[in-house]
Amino acid sequence: MRIALAQQDYHIGNFEENGRKIIEAVHKAKANGVDLIVFPELAVCGYPPRDFLEFNDFIRLCNEVVDSIAKETQGIAVVVGSPAINTKPEGKDLFNAAYFLLDGKIERVVHKALLPTYDVFDEYRYFEPGKEFNVIEYQGKKIALTVCEDLWNVGNENPLYMACPMDVLTHQQPDFIVNISASPFDYRHAEDRIRVLKANTNLYKVPIFYVNHVGAQTELIFDGGSLVLDANGRVVEELPYFEEAYREYELDDLIASAQTSQPDNVQPKNKIGLMHNALVLGIKDYFRKLGFKQAILGLSGGIDSALVLVLAVEALGPENVWPIMLPSRFSSDHSINDSIALCQNIGVKVDKISIEEPFEAFLGVLGEHFKGLPFNLAEENMQARSRAVILMAMSNKFGHILLNTSNKSEAAVGYGTLYGDMCGGISVIGDVYKTEVFQMCEYINRNGEIIPRNIITKPPSAELRPDQKDSDSLPEYDILDQVLYQYIEHRKVPKEIVAMGFDEALVKRILRLVNINEYKRYQTPPILRVSPKAFGVGRRMPIVGKYLG
């Protein structure tokens, strides 16, 4: 049996494009003599469709695409993901389903059993879990067809679910497992994915064909990395990250490989490199899927905006990215010079618009009310908001989308101005800690200087008052980020973090800043997710919560 995997980038609700892409791959597979081609979870509609699933017409269009794919299956079997209607009165109206299409019709529909409802997932909101598990017989082979999470309850010391579909299917003696997936990227997920699939092969002793989405859907990025494992758990192939791919395999060859001793065929997993590539894809797909081409951003001379500019140029091309310097009376000459040098290095046109006049005008308008009061955060924020007004005006006038340049450390402790530097259509590095920002800039410069050295080495500063440094208001980033990581990613409470050797007063101060600034994060742009716990849909905290632990 010849089996093909189609790792593709889908557009949520773009049924014409998704259907065309799937059918083209089916035609290619048929021409190559493939017996079975496999597409990812909910490929027909894109993942995650969220509340589009509540529209009857959306489901009708899904069904029409499935029917159109089925018409192309003379002489080939197709596995593809799409919602399926629950015909019983009990339970949710839909299943998350894998369709097995053959000879022009829907031969079988397999319902996903384990519905993730944690972090960025909310599948139980929409779907009824499947409860019946049977292999599919095709060309003398038995296929255990599963959907994503159905394989993720194995090899776990603390299983999330009471049951496991493969525990039932294994008694029917399947010859191999097919798993269709929509598994979002984070920088450690590729290793987790291999570990989980190896646990399945170790337990069930059959090969696995696993196909994943690639591409970005607003904040969620899918890295691909589809996998084929033999019955001994050896990774026969791991498909590319962050790009579409099509591969074919002979089942007999896979069975034979289990009789040999060979190393895993996997890709390198450099954390910062993966994050970098994910962010580039996130920007690219955000613009492509919304029908935009050009981006604008404020270029301060600091490391955050420098990194976002380079990522945007990689994603969109230098001709489609417009950096604007917005100096104030507090901007240093080296910040301006560093910005110019960066733009020359990457070949983008940069403009300069001083905020001195609008800032002075605001000071004048508010002079009577601010009379006798010291210069403080109010005047600093007026500068940030002056910049935002200019950038948004340019965005509106010329149709460029504003990129937000705030990092995760700043977003965590509220070190940003609402309706100022927190504006934007998409937050590019809002899931990248400041220390990771430095590492990513070094990664970008690995083959030669792109980001000027001075941008990386100078002390971070918002330059909103004379001689200002971030460290005037915040702990040093190498300490701050460690505390934030333990609190946000690992959900440790103050006493646990203090026990790791951190100062108690400092820990409580940092965590208090995180909690009291939740209201700011509710009003920020969507954040490209690259970590296991990003701000946004995967972290739901009350705005008025007082708990610190």
Protein backbone atom coordinates (compact mmCIF):
# COMPACT_ATOMS: atom_id res chain seq x y z
CA MET A 1 0.00 0.00 0.00
CA ARG A 2 1.32 3.41 -0.98
CA ILE A 3 0.39 6.17 1.49
CA ALA A 4 0.78 9.94 1.04
CA LEU A 5 0.76 12.72 3.66
CA ALA A 6 -0.30 16.23 2.63
CA GLN A 7 0.90 18.84 5.12
CA GLN A 8 -0.96 21.98 4.06
CA ASP A 9 -1.75 25.55 5.08
CA TYR A 10 -5.49 26.20 5.20
CA HIS A 11 -7.50 29.41 5.52
CA ILE A 12 -10.39 29.29 7.98
CA GLY A 13 -13.68 29.47 6.13
CA ASN A 14 -12.05 29.76 2.69
CA PHE A 15 -13.76 26.69 1.32
CA GLU A 16 -12.85 27.35 -2.30
CA GLU A 17 -9.11 27.60 -1.58
CA ASN A 18 -9.05 24.75 0.93
CA GLY A 19 -11.04 22.44 -1.35
CA ARG A 20 -8.91 23.27 -4.37
CA LYS A 21 -5.71 22.61 -2.46
CA ILE A 22 -6.95 19.25 -1.17
CA ILE A 23 -8.26 18.08 -4.55
CA GLU A 24 -5.02 19.08 -6.31
CA ALA A 25 -3.10 16.89 -3.87
CA VAL A 26 -5.54 14.03 -4.47
CA HIS A 27 -4.95 14.30 -8.21
CA LYS A 28 -1.18 14.28 -7.69
CA ALA A 29 -1.43 11.21 -5.47
CA LYS A 30 -3.60 9.36 -8.00
CA ALA A 31 -1.13 10.12 -10.77
CA ASN A 32 1.66 8.66 -8.61
CA GLY A 33 -0.21 5.44 -7.88
CA VAL A 34 -0.95 6.30 -4.24
CA ASP A 35 -3.57 4.13 -2.52
CA LEU A 36 -4.33 6.39 0.47
CA ILE A 37 -3.72 10.12 0.97
CA VAL A 38 -4.14 11.75 4.36
CA PHE A 39 -4.96 15.40 5.17
CA PRO A 40 -5.04 17.12 8.60
CA GLU A 41 -7.77 17.61 11.18
CA LEU A 42 -10.58 19.98 10.10
CA ALA A 43 -8.67 20.63 6.89
CA VAL A 44 -11.86 21.41 4.99
CA CYS A 45 -12.74 24.44 7.10
CA GLY A 46 -9.40 25.31 8.73
CA TYR A 47 -8.52 25.15 12.41
CA PRO A 48 -9.73 26.54 14.79
CA PRO A 49 -13.07 27.58 13.24
CA ARG A 50 -14.43 28.57 16.67
CA ASP A 51 -17.94 30.07 16.58
CA PHE A 52 -18.21 29.74 12.80
CA LEU A 53 -19.24 26.21 13.78
CA GLU A 54 -22.49 27.65 15.14
CA PHE A 55 -23.55 28.79 11.65
CA ASN A 56 -25.63 26.17 9.82
CA ASP A 57 -24.44 27.55 6.49
CA PHE A 58 -20.80 27.05 7.53
CA ILE A 59 -21.49 23.37 8.16
CA ARG A 60 -23.38 23.11 4.87
CA LEU A 61 -20.34 24.44 3.01
CA CYS A 62 -18.08 21.98 4.86
CA ASN A 63 -20.29 19.12 3.72
CA GLU A 64 -20.29 20.37 0.13
CA VAL A 65 -16.48 20.39 0.06
CA VAL A 66 -16.35 16.88 1.53
CA ASP A 67 -18.74 15.72 -1.20
CA SER A 68 -16.62 17.39 -3.90
CA ILE A 69 -13.50 15.64 -2.59
CA ALA A 70 -15.34 12.31 -2.46
CA LYS A 71 -16.12 12.62 -6.18
CA GLU A 72 -12.37 12.56 -6.88
CA THR A 73 -11.73 9.28 -5.04
CA GLN A 74 -12.16 6.76 -7.82
CA GLY A 75 -9.19 4.43 -7.36
CA ILE A 76 -7.84 6.15 -4.24
CA ALA A 77 -8.84 6.50 -0.59
CA VAL A 78 -8.76 9.89 1.12
CA VAL A 79 -8.74 10.75 4.83
CA VAL A 80 -9.68 14.35 5.54
CA GLY A 81 -10.90 16.27 8.58
CA SER A 82 -14.21 18.16 8.71
CA PRO A 83 -17.11 18.69 11.13
CA ALA A 84 -19.82 16.03 11.08
CA ILE A 85 -23.42 16.49 12.16
CA ASN A 86 -24.60 14.55 15.21
CA THR A 87 -27.88 12.99 14.06
CA LYS A 88 -28.86 11.94 17.58
CA PRO A 89 -30.86 14.35 19.75
CA GLU A 90 -28.50 13.87 22.68
CA GLY A 91 -25.23 15.77 22.96
CA LYS A 92 -23.64 18.56 20.98
CA ASP A 93 -24.73 19.13 17.40
CA LEU A 94 -21.36 18.32 15.85
CA PHE A 95 -18.47 15.89 15.91
CA ASN A 96 -14.88 16.69 15.04
CA ALA A 97 -14.52 14.00 12.40
CA ALA A 98 -12.13 12.18 10.10
CA TYR A 99 -13.82 11.24 6.82
CA PHE A 100 -12.67 8.12 4.97
CA LEU A 101 -13.61 8.67 1.33
CA LEU A 102 -13.44 5.96 -1.33
CA ASP A 103 -14.85 5.26 -4.78
CA GLY A 104 -16.82 8.48 -4.99
CA LYS A 105 -18.53 8.32 -1.64
CA ILE A 106 -18.15 8.74 2.12
CA GLU A 107 -17.18 5.24 3.21
CA ARG A 108 -16.73 5.90 6.97
CA VAL A 109 -16.79 8.79 9.43
CA VAL A 110 -14.66 8.52 12.58
CA HIS A 111 -15.47 10.87 15.47
CA LYS A 112 -12.76 12.39 17.65
CA ALA A 113 -13.11 11.04 21.18
CA LEU A 114 -10.75 13.15 23.28
CA LEU A 115 -11.71 16.82 23.04
CA PRO A 116 -9.07 19.19 24.47
CA THR A 117 -10.43 22.00 26.61
CA TYR A 118 -7.32 23.65 28.01
CA ASP A 119 -4.88 26.40 27.09
CA VAL A 120 -5.80 27.53 23.52
CA PHE A 121 -8.24 24.64 22.97
CA ASP A 122 -11.99 24.81 23.52
CA GLU A 123 -13.32 21.86 21.54
CA TYR A 124 -15.89 20.67 24.05
CA ARG A 125 -17.68 23.98 23.49
CA TYR A 126 -18.60 22.75 20.00
CA PHE A 127 -18.18 18.99 19.66
CA GLU A 128 -19.63 15.80 21.07
CA PRO A 129 -16.98 13.18 21.86
CA GLY A 130 -16.97 9.99 19.81
CA LYS A 131 -17.74 6.81 21.70
CA GLU A 132 -17.50 4.03 19.08
CA PHE A 133 -14.13 2.76 17.86
CA ASN A 134 -13.65 0.42 14.93
CA VAL A 135 -10.81 -0.14 12.49
CA ILE A 136 -11.28 0.54 8.79
CA GLU A 137 -10.48 -2.34 6.44
CA TYR A 138 -8.91 -1.30 3.16
CA GLN A 139 -6.87 -3.32 0.66
CA GLY A 140 -6.47 -6.15 3.15
CA LYS A 141 -5.15 -3.86 5.90
CA LYS A 142 -6.78 -2.63 9.10
CA ILE A 143 -6.43 1.08 9.78
CA ALA A 144 -6.82 2.64 13.23
CA LEU A 145 -8.01 6.13 12.25
CA THR A 146 -7.66 8.71 15.03
CA VAL A 147 -7.89 12.49 15.38
CA CYS A 148 -5.13 14.50 17.08
CA GLU A 149 -5.72 14.33 20.85
CA ASP A 150 -6.89 10.72 20.54
CA LEU A 151 -3.20 9.72 20.67
CA TRP A 152 -2.15 12.20 23.39
CA ASN A 153 -3.43 10.30 26.41
CA VAL A 154 -0.63 7.71 26.33
CA GLY A 155 2.63 7.71 28.25
CA ASN A 156 1.41 10.44 30.57
CA GLU A 157 1.79 10.18 34.33
CA ASN A 158 -1.36 12.29 34.74
CA PRO A 159 -3.74 11.40 31.89
CA LEU A 160 -6.32 14.05 31.04
CA TYR A 161 -8.99 11.58 30.00
CA MET A 162 -10.63 8.49 31.42
CA ALA A 163 -10.39 6.51 28.18
CA CYS A 164 -8.14 6.07 25.18
CA PRO A 165 -9.50 5.09 21.73
CA MET A 166 -6.41 3.05 20.86
CA ASP A 167 -6.94 0.84 23.91
CA VAL A 168 -10.11 -0.35 22.16
CA LEU A 169 -8.76 -0.32 18.60
CA THR A 170 -5.65 -2.34 19.48
CA HIS A 171 -7.83 -5.39 20.23
CA GLN A 172 -8.98 -5.27 16.59
CA GLN A 173 -5.34 -5.78 15.52
CA PRO A 174 -4.77 -2.75 13.28
CA ASP A 175 -1.86 -2.84 10.84
CA PHE A 176 -1.12 0.87 11.27
CA ILE A 177 -2.40 4.07 12.85
CA VAL A 178 -3.40 7.20 10.94
CA ASN A 179 -3.64 10.37 13.01
CA ILE A 180 -4.88 13.64 11.54
CA SER A 181 -3.90 16.62 13.65
CA ALA A 182 -4.15 20.37 14.21
CA SER A 183 -1.44 20.79 16.81
CA PRO A 184 -0.26 24.39 17.36
CA PHE A 185 3.38 25.31 17.66
CA ASP A 186 5.29 26.20 20.76
CA TYR A 187 9.05 25.98 21.02
CA ARG A 188 9.01 22.62 22.84
CA HIS A 189 6.07 21.02 21.06
CA ALA A 190 8.01 19.24 18.32
CA GLU A 191 9.88 17.20 20.94
CA ASP A 192 6.66 16.52 22.85
CA ARG A 193 5.00 15.32 19.65
CA ILE A 194 7.74 12.80 18.94
CA ARG A 195 7.71 11.61 22.56
CA VAL A 196 3.94 11.02 22.50
CA LEU A 197 3.96 9.19 19.18
CA LYS A 198 6.87 7.01 20.31
CA ALA A 199 4.87 6.13 23.42
CA ASN A 200 2.03 4.97 21.16
CA THR A 201 4.26 2.80 19.00
CA ASN A 202 5.92 1.32 22.08
CA LEU A 203 2.53 0.38 23.49
CA TYR A 204 0.63 -0.69 20.38
CA LYS A 205 3.53 -1.97 18.20
CA VAL A 206 2.23 -0.62 14.89
CA PRO A 207 3.47 2.14 12.55
CA ILE A 208 1.98 5.63 12.72
CA PHE A 209 1.25 8.10 9.92
CA TYR A 210 0.70 11.51 11.53
CA VAL A 211 -0.14 14.63 9.52
CA ASN A 212 -0.32 18.13 10.97
CA HIS A 213 -1.41 21.57 9.81
CA VAL A 214 1.13 24.19 8.82
CA GLY A 215 0.50 27.95 8.73
CA ALA A 216 -0.84 30.60 11.06
CA GLN A 217 -4.38 31.45 12.09
CA THR A 218 -4.02 34.86 13.77
CA GLU A 219 -2.24 34.06 17.06
CA LEU A 220 -1.99 30.29 16.56
CA ILE A 221 0.91 29.05 14.46
CA PHE A 222 1.14 25.49 13.15
CA ASP A 223 4.60 24.18 12.38
CA GLY A 224 3.82 21.08 10.35
CA GLY A 225 6.47 18.57 11.38
CA SER A 226 4.28 15.65 10.30
CA LEU A 227 5.74 12.28 11.23
CA VAL A 228 6.03 8.68 10.12
CA LEU A 229 7.17 6.13 12.72
CA ASP A 230 7.74 2.43 12.29
CA ALA A 231 6.45 -0.17 14.74
CA ASN A 232 9.60 0.11 16.86
CA GLY A 233 9.08 3.83 17.38
CA ARG A 234 11.83 4.97 15.03
CA VAL A 235 11.09 8.25 13.30
CA VAL A 236 11.35 7.32 9.63
CA GLU A 237 10.75 10.92 8.57
CA GLU A 238 9.80 14.24 10.10
CA LEU A 239 8.40 16.62 7.52
CA PRO A 240 9.67 20.22 7.29
CA TYR A 241 8.68 22.90 9.75
CA PHE A 242 6.75 26.01 8.70
CA GLU A 243 6.20 25.02 5.07
CA GLU A 244 3.81 22.89 3.08
CA ALA A 245 5.02 19.41 2.18
CA TYR A 246 3.85 16.29 0.37
CA ARG A 247 5.42 12.86 0.94
CA GLU A 248 4.72 9.28 -0.17
CA TYR A 249 5.59 6.04 1.63
CA GLU A 250 5.39 2.32 0.93
CA LEU A 251 3.81 0.52 3.86
CA ASP A 252 5.88 -2.60 3.18
CA ASP A 253 9.08 -0.53 3.40
CA LEU A 254 7.93 0.88 6.72
CA ILE A 255 7.23 -2.61 8.05
CA ALA A 256 10.64 -3.77 6.86
CA SER A 257 12.39 -0.82 8.52
CA ALA A 258 11.19 -2.09 11.90
CA GLN A 259 13.47 -5.09 11.42
CA THR A 260 16.56 -2.87 11.20
CA SER A 261 18.34 -0.70 13.73
CA GLN A 262 18.62 2.88 12.50
CA PRO A 263 18.61 6.29 14.21
CA ASP A 264 15.66 8.66 14.15
CA ASN A 265 15.44 10.84 11.07
CA VAL A 266 14.55 14.13 12.75
CA GLN A 267 15.29 17.82 12.30
CA PRO A 268 17.39 20.00 14.63
CA LYS A 269 15.30 21.76 17.27
CA ASN A 270 16.97 25.05 18.12
CA LYS A 271 14.55 26.91 20.38
CA ILE A 272 15.35 30.45 19.20
CA GLY A 273 15.58 29.37 15.57
CA LEU A 274 12.15 27.72 15.78
CA MET A 275 10.65 30.79 17.45
CA HIS A 276 12.17 33.03 14.79
CA ASN A 277 10.77 30.95 11.92
CA ALA A 278 7.38 30.71 13.61
CA LEU A 279 7.12 34.48 13.96
CA VAL A 280 8.04 35.03 10.32
CA LEU A 281 5.30 32.61 9.25
CA GLY A 282 2.88 34.21 11.71
CA ILE A 283 3.37 37.65 10.16
CA LYS A 284 3.24 36.31 6.61
CA ASP A 285 -0.02 34.39 7.06
CA TYR A 286 -1.69 37.17 9.08
CA PHE A 287 -1.20 39.55 6.17
CA ARG A 288 -1.94 37.04 3.41
CA LYS A 289 -5.13 35.69 4.94
CA LEU A 290 -6.50 39.16 5.70
CA GLY A 291 -5.63 40.38 2.22
CA PHE A 292 -3.06 42.95 3.40
CA LYS A 293 0.40 43.41 1.93
CA GLN A 294 2.15 46.24 3.75
CA ALA A 295 3.15 46.91 7.34
CA ILE A 296 4.16 50.01 9.28
CA LEU A 297 5.91 50.27 12.63
CA GLY A 298 7.58 52.79 14.88
CA LEU A 299 11.36 52.38 14.91
CA SER A 300 12.84 53.65 18.16
CA GLY A 301 16.47 52.60 17.91
CA GLY A 302 15.80 49.97 20.59
CA ILE A 303 16.15 46.24 20.28
CA ASP A 304 12.43 45.34 20.25
CA SER A 305 11.44 47.45 17.26
CA ALA A 306 14.65 46.43 15.49
CA LEU A 307 13.76 42.75 15.87
CA VAL A 308 10.17 43.27 14.70
CA LEU A 309 11.39 45.19 11.66
CA VAL A 310 13.76 42.41 10.63
CA LEU A 311 11.09 39.72 11.13
CA ALA A 312 8.58 41.74 9.10
CA VAL A 313 11.05 42.23 6.26
CA GLU A 314 11.73 38.49 6.19
CA ALA A 315 7.98 37.82 6.07
CA LEU A 316 6.79 40.53 3.69
CA GLY A 317 9.83 41.79 1.81
CA PRO A 318 11.64 45.14 2.29
CA GLU A 319 9.37 46.90 -0.20
CA ASN A 320 6.31 46.15 1.99
CA VAL A 321 7.58 47.33 5.39
CA TRP A 322 7.64 51.00 6.35
CA PRO A 323 9.56 51.93 9.51
CA ILE A 324 9.06 55.43 10.87
CA MET A 325 11.33 57.07 13.43
CA LEU A 326 9.38 59.27 15.85
CA PRO A 327 12.01 61.10 17.90
CA SER A 328 11.24 63.35 20.85
CA ARG A 329 13.32 65.80 22.84
CA PHE A 330 14.59 62.81 24.83
CA SER A 331 15.66 60.66 21.87
CA SER A 332 19.40 60.11 21.72
CA ASP A 333 21.44 60.67 18.56
CA HIS A 334 22.67 57.09 18.66
CA SER A 335 19.10 55.77 18.61
CA ILE A 336 18.44 57.65 15.37
CA ASN A 337 21.79 56.65 13.86
CA ASP A 338 21.33 53.01 14.89
CA SER A 339 17.89 52.95 13.25
CA ILE A 340 19.25 54.39 10.02
CA ALA A 341 22.09 51.84 9.97
CA LEU A 342 19.62 48.97 10.51
CA CYS A 343 17.42 50.14 7.64
CA GLN A 344 20.42 50.41 5.35
CA ASN A 345 21.48 46.88 6.28
CA ILE A 346 18.12 45.37 5.31
CA GLY A 347 17.29 47.67 2.41
CA VAL A 348 14.17 49.42 3.66
CA LYS A 349 13.16 53.04 3.28
CA VAL A 350 12.80 54.84 6.63
CA ASP A 351 11.06 58.12 7.40
CA LYS A 352 11.35 60.44 10.36
CA ILE A 353 8.51 62.40 11.94
CA SER A 354 9.25 64.33 15.11
CA ILE A 355 6.63 64.17 17.87
CA GLU A 356 7.87 67.42 19.41
CA GLU A 357 5.05 69.57 18.01
CA PRO A 358 2.13 67.35 19.09
CA PHE A 359 3.79 66.70 22.46
CA GLU A 360 4.29 70.43 23.00
CA ALA A 361 0.68 71.03 21.97
CA PHE A 362 -0.57 68.52 24.54
CA LEU A 363 1.56 70.15 27.21
CA GLY A 364 0.00 73.47 26.29
CA VAL A 365 -3.56 72.19 26.32
CA LEU A 366 -3.05 70.57 29.72
CA GLY A 367 -0.77 73.26 31.12
CA GLU A 368 -3.41 74.89 33.29
CA HIS A 369 -4.45 71.57 34.78
CA PHE A 370 -0.91 70.26 35.27
CA LYS A 371 0.37 73.54 36.65
CA GLY A 372 2.75 73.10 39.59
CA LEU A 373 2.88 69.33 39.22
CA PRO A 374 6.14 67.47 38.49
CA PHE A 375 6.90 65.80 35.16
CA ASN A 376 5.94 62.13 35.58
CA LEU A 377 4.28 59.15 33.90
CA ALA A 378 1.52 61.33 32.43
CA GLU A 379 3.97 63.26 30.27
CA GLU A 380 5.83 60.06 29.35
CA ASN A 381 2.61 58.44 28.17
CA MET A 382 1.65 61.53 26.19
CA GLN A 383 4.74 60.97 24.09
CA ALA A 384 3.88 57.32 23.48
CA ARG A 385 0.31 58.26 22.55
CA SER A 386 1.51 61.01 20.24
CA ARG A 387 3.50 58.39 18.38
CA ALA A 388 0.50 56.07 18.24
CA VAL A 389 -1.74 58.78 16.76
CA ILE A 390 0.81 59.42 14.00
CA LEU A 391 1.35 55.76 13.24
CA MET A 392 -2.37 55.02 13.15
CA ALA A 393 -2.98 58.05 10.93
CA MET A 394 -0.35 56.80 8.48
CA SER A 395 -1.87 53.32 8.70
CA ASN A 396 -5.33 54.66 7.87
CA LYS A 397 -4.14 56.95 5.10
CA PHE A 398 -1.94 54.45 3.26
CA GLY A 399 -3.50 51.10 4.24
CA HIS A 400 -0.51 49.72 6.12
CA ILE A 401 -1.12 47.49 9.17
CA LEU A 402 0.61 48.65 12.34
CA LEU A 403 2.88 46.06 13.96
CA ASN A 404 3.08 46.12 17.73
CA THR A 405 6.63 45.84 19.08
CA SER A 406 6.10 45.15 22.81
CA ASN A 407 7.80 42.06 24.26
CA LYS A 408 6.42 39.54 26.76
CA SER A 409 8.36 40.92 29.74
CA GLU A 410 6.87 44.37 29.20
CA ALA A 411 3.39 43.00 28.60
CA ALA A 412 3.63 40.93 31.79
CA VAL A 413 4.40 43.83 34.14
CA GLY A 414 2.49 46.56 32.32
CA TYR A 415 5.59 48.39 31.11
CA GLY A 416 3.77 49.88 28.14
CA THR A 417 1.27 52.62 27.35
CA LEU A 418 -2.32 51.74 26.54
CA TYR A 419 -3.36 53.47 23.30
CA GLY A 420 0.32 54.26 22.82
CA ASP A 421 3.07 51.74 22.19
CA MET A 422 0.58 48.94 22.87
CA CYS A 423 -1.35 49.74 19.67
CA GLY A 424 -1.23 47.55 16.58
CA GLY A 425 -3.00 44.97 14.45
CA ILE A 426 -0.82 42.09 15.60
CA SER A 427 1.68 41.75 18.45
CA VAL A 428 4.74 40.19 16.88
CA ILE A 429 6.96 39.54 19.94
CA GLY A 430 4.41 39.70 22.74
CA ASP A 431 5.24 36.05 23.56
CA VAL A 432 9.02 36.60 23.51
CA TYR A 433 10.71 37.52 26.79
CA LYS A 434 13.24 40.34 26.68
CA THR A 435 16.13 37.94 27.25
CA GLU A 436 14.85 35.90 24.30
CA VAL A 437 14.69 39.09 22.23
CA PHE A 438 18.44 39.50 22.75
CA GLN A 439 19.01 35.84 21.85
CA MET A 440 16.93 36.14 18.68
CA CYS A 441 18.86 39.21 17.56
CA GLU A 442 22.09 37.28 18.02
CA TYR A 443 20.53 34.44 16.01
CA ILE A 444 19.67 36.86 13.19
CA ASN A 445 23.27 38.10 13.23
CA ARG A 446 24.72 34.58 13.24
CA ASN A 447 26.12 34.92 9.70
CA GLY A 448 26.97 38.62 9.80
CA GLU A 449 25.76 41.86 11.33
CA ILE A 450 22.21 42.75 10.31
CA ILE A 451 21.06 44.38 13.55
CA PRO A 452 23.75 46.92 14.52
CA ARG A 453 25.77 45.80 17.51
CA ASN A 454 25.01 48.96 19.45
CA ILE A 455 21.27 48.21 19.37
CA ILE A 456 21.95 44.87 21.08
CA THR A 457 24.49 46.04 23.66
CA LYS A 458 23.15 49.39 24.85
CA PRO A 459 21.02 49.45 28.04
CA PRO A 460 17.30 49.23 27.16
CA SER A 461 15.45 52.55 27.50
CA ALA A 462 12.04 53.93 26.60
CA GLU A 463 13.68 57.39 26.20
CA LEU A 464 10.67 59.22 27.62
CA ARG A 465 12.67 61.28 30.12
CA PRO A 466 16.33 62.28 30.47
CA ASP A 467 18.81 59.40 30.89
CA GLN A 468 16.01 56.89 31.39
CA LYS A 469 16.75 53.16 31.58
CA ASP A 470 14.32 50.25 31.91
CA SER A 471 16.21 49.19 35.02
CA ASP A 472 15.04 52.41 36.73
CA SER A 473 11.54 50.90 36.91
CA LEU A 474 12.09 47.18 36.49
CA PRO A 475 14.43 44.51 37.84
CA GLU A 476 17.21 43.48 35.50
CA TYR A 477 15.68 41.42 32.71
CA ASP A 478 17.73 38.28 33.41
CA ILE A 479 16.12 38.16 36.88
CA LEU A 480 12.70 39.46 35.87
CA ASP A 481 12.29 36.91 33.08
CA GLN A 482 13.18 33.97 35.32
CA VAL A 483 10.51 34.97 37.83
CA LEU A 484 7.94 35.62 35.10
CA TYR A 485 8.70 32.27 33.48
CA GLN A 486 8.12 30.38 36.73
CA TYR A 487 4.85 32.23 37.37
CA ILE A 488 3.38 32.29 33.85
CA GLU A 489 4.61 29.06 32.28
CA HIS A 490 4.85 26.90 35.43
CA ARG A 491 2.13 28.55 37.57
CA LYS A 492 4.35 28.68 40.65
CA VAL A 493 3.22 30.87 43.56
CA PRO A 494 5.53 33.32 45.39
CA LYS A 495 6.71 30.98 48.12
CA GLU A 496 7.70 28.38 45.52
CA ILE A 497 9.64 30.95 43.50
CA VAL A 498 11.31 32.35 46.63
CA ALA A 499 12.37 28.81 47.53
CA MET A 500 14.30 28.75 44.25
CA GLY A 501 16.56 31.51 45.61
CA PHE A 502 14.82 34.72 44.54
CA ASP A 503 14.30 37.67 46.87
CA GLU A 504 10.85 37.54 48.48
CA ALA A 505 10.06 41.25 48.19
CA LEU A 506 11.16 41.29 44.57
CA VAL A 507 9.05 38.25 43.69
CA LYS A 508 5.93 39.71 45.29
CA ARG A 509 6.49 43.02 43.57
CA ILE A 510 6.84 41.37 40.14
CA LEU A 511 3.80 39.13 40.53
CA ARG A 512 1.70 42.01 41.79
CA LEU A 513 2.63 43.95 38.64
CA VAL A 514 1.57 40.96 36.51
CA ASN A 515 -1.83 40.73 38.18
CA ILE A 516 -2.73 44.42 38.32
CA ASN A 517 -1.94 44.87 34.63
CA GLU A 518 -4.32 42.20 33.39
CA TYR A 519 -6.67 44.99 32.23
CA LYS A 520 -3.99 46.23 29.84
CA ARG A 521 -3.47 42.83 28.28
CA TYR A 522 -7.19 42.49 27.61
CA GLN A 523 -6.89 45.52 25.33
CA THR A 524 -3.78 44.55 23.38
CA PRO A 525 -3.56 43.14 19.84
CA PRO A 526 -3.55 39.37 19.32
CA ILE A 527 -0.15 37.94 20.22
CA LEU A 528 1.69 35.43 18.02
CA ARG A 529 2.02 32.36 20.24
CA VAL A 530 5.42 30.68 20.36
CA SER A 531 5.65 29.53 24.00
CA PRO A 532 3.74 26.89 25.97
CA LYS A 533 1.81 29.66 27.80
CA ALA A 534 1.19 32.89 25.94
CA PHE A 535 -0.93 35.85 26.93
CA GLY A 536 -4.25 35.78 25.09
CA VAL A 537 -6.74 32.98 24.47
CA GLY A 538 -4.61 30.39 26.27
CA ARG A 539 -4.29 32.30 29.56
CA ARG A 540 -7.58 33.38 31.09
CA MET A 541 -7.22 35.42 34.25
CA PRO A 542 -9.76 37.67 35.97
CA ILE A 543 -9.01 41.36 35.64
CA VAL A 544 -9.96 42.11 39.25
CA GLY A 545 -8.36 39.02 40.79
CA LYS A 546 -6.35 39.51 43.99
CA TYR A 547 -4.88 36.00 44.43
CA LEU A 548 -1.08 35.73 44.47
CA GLY A 549 -0.72 32.46 46.35
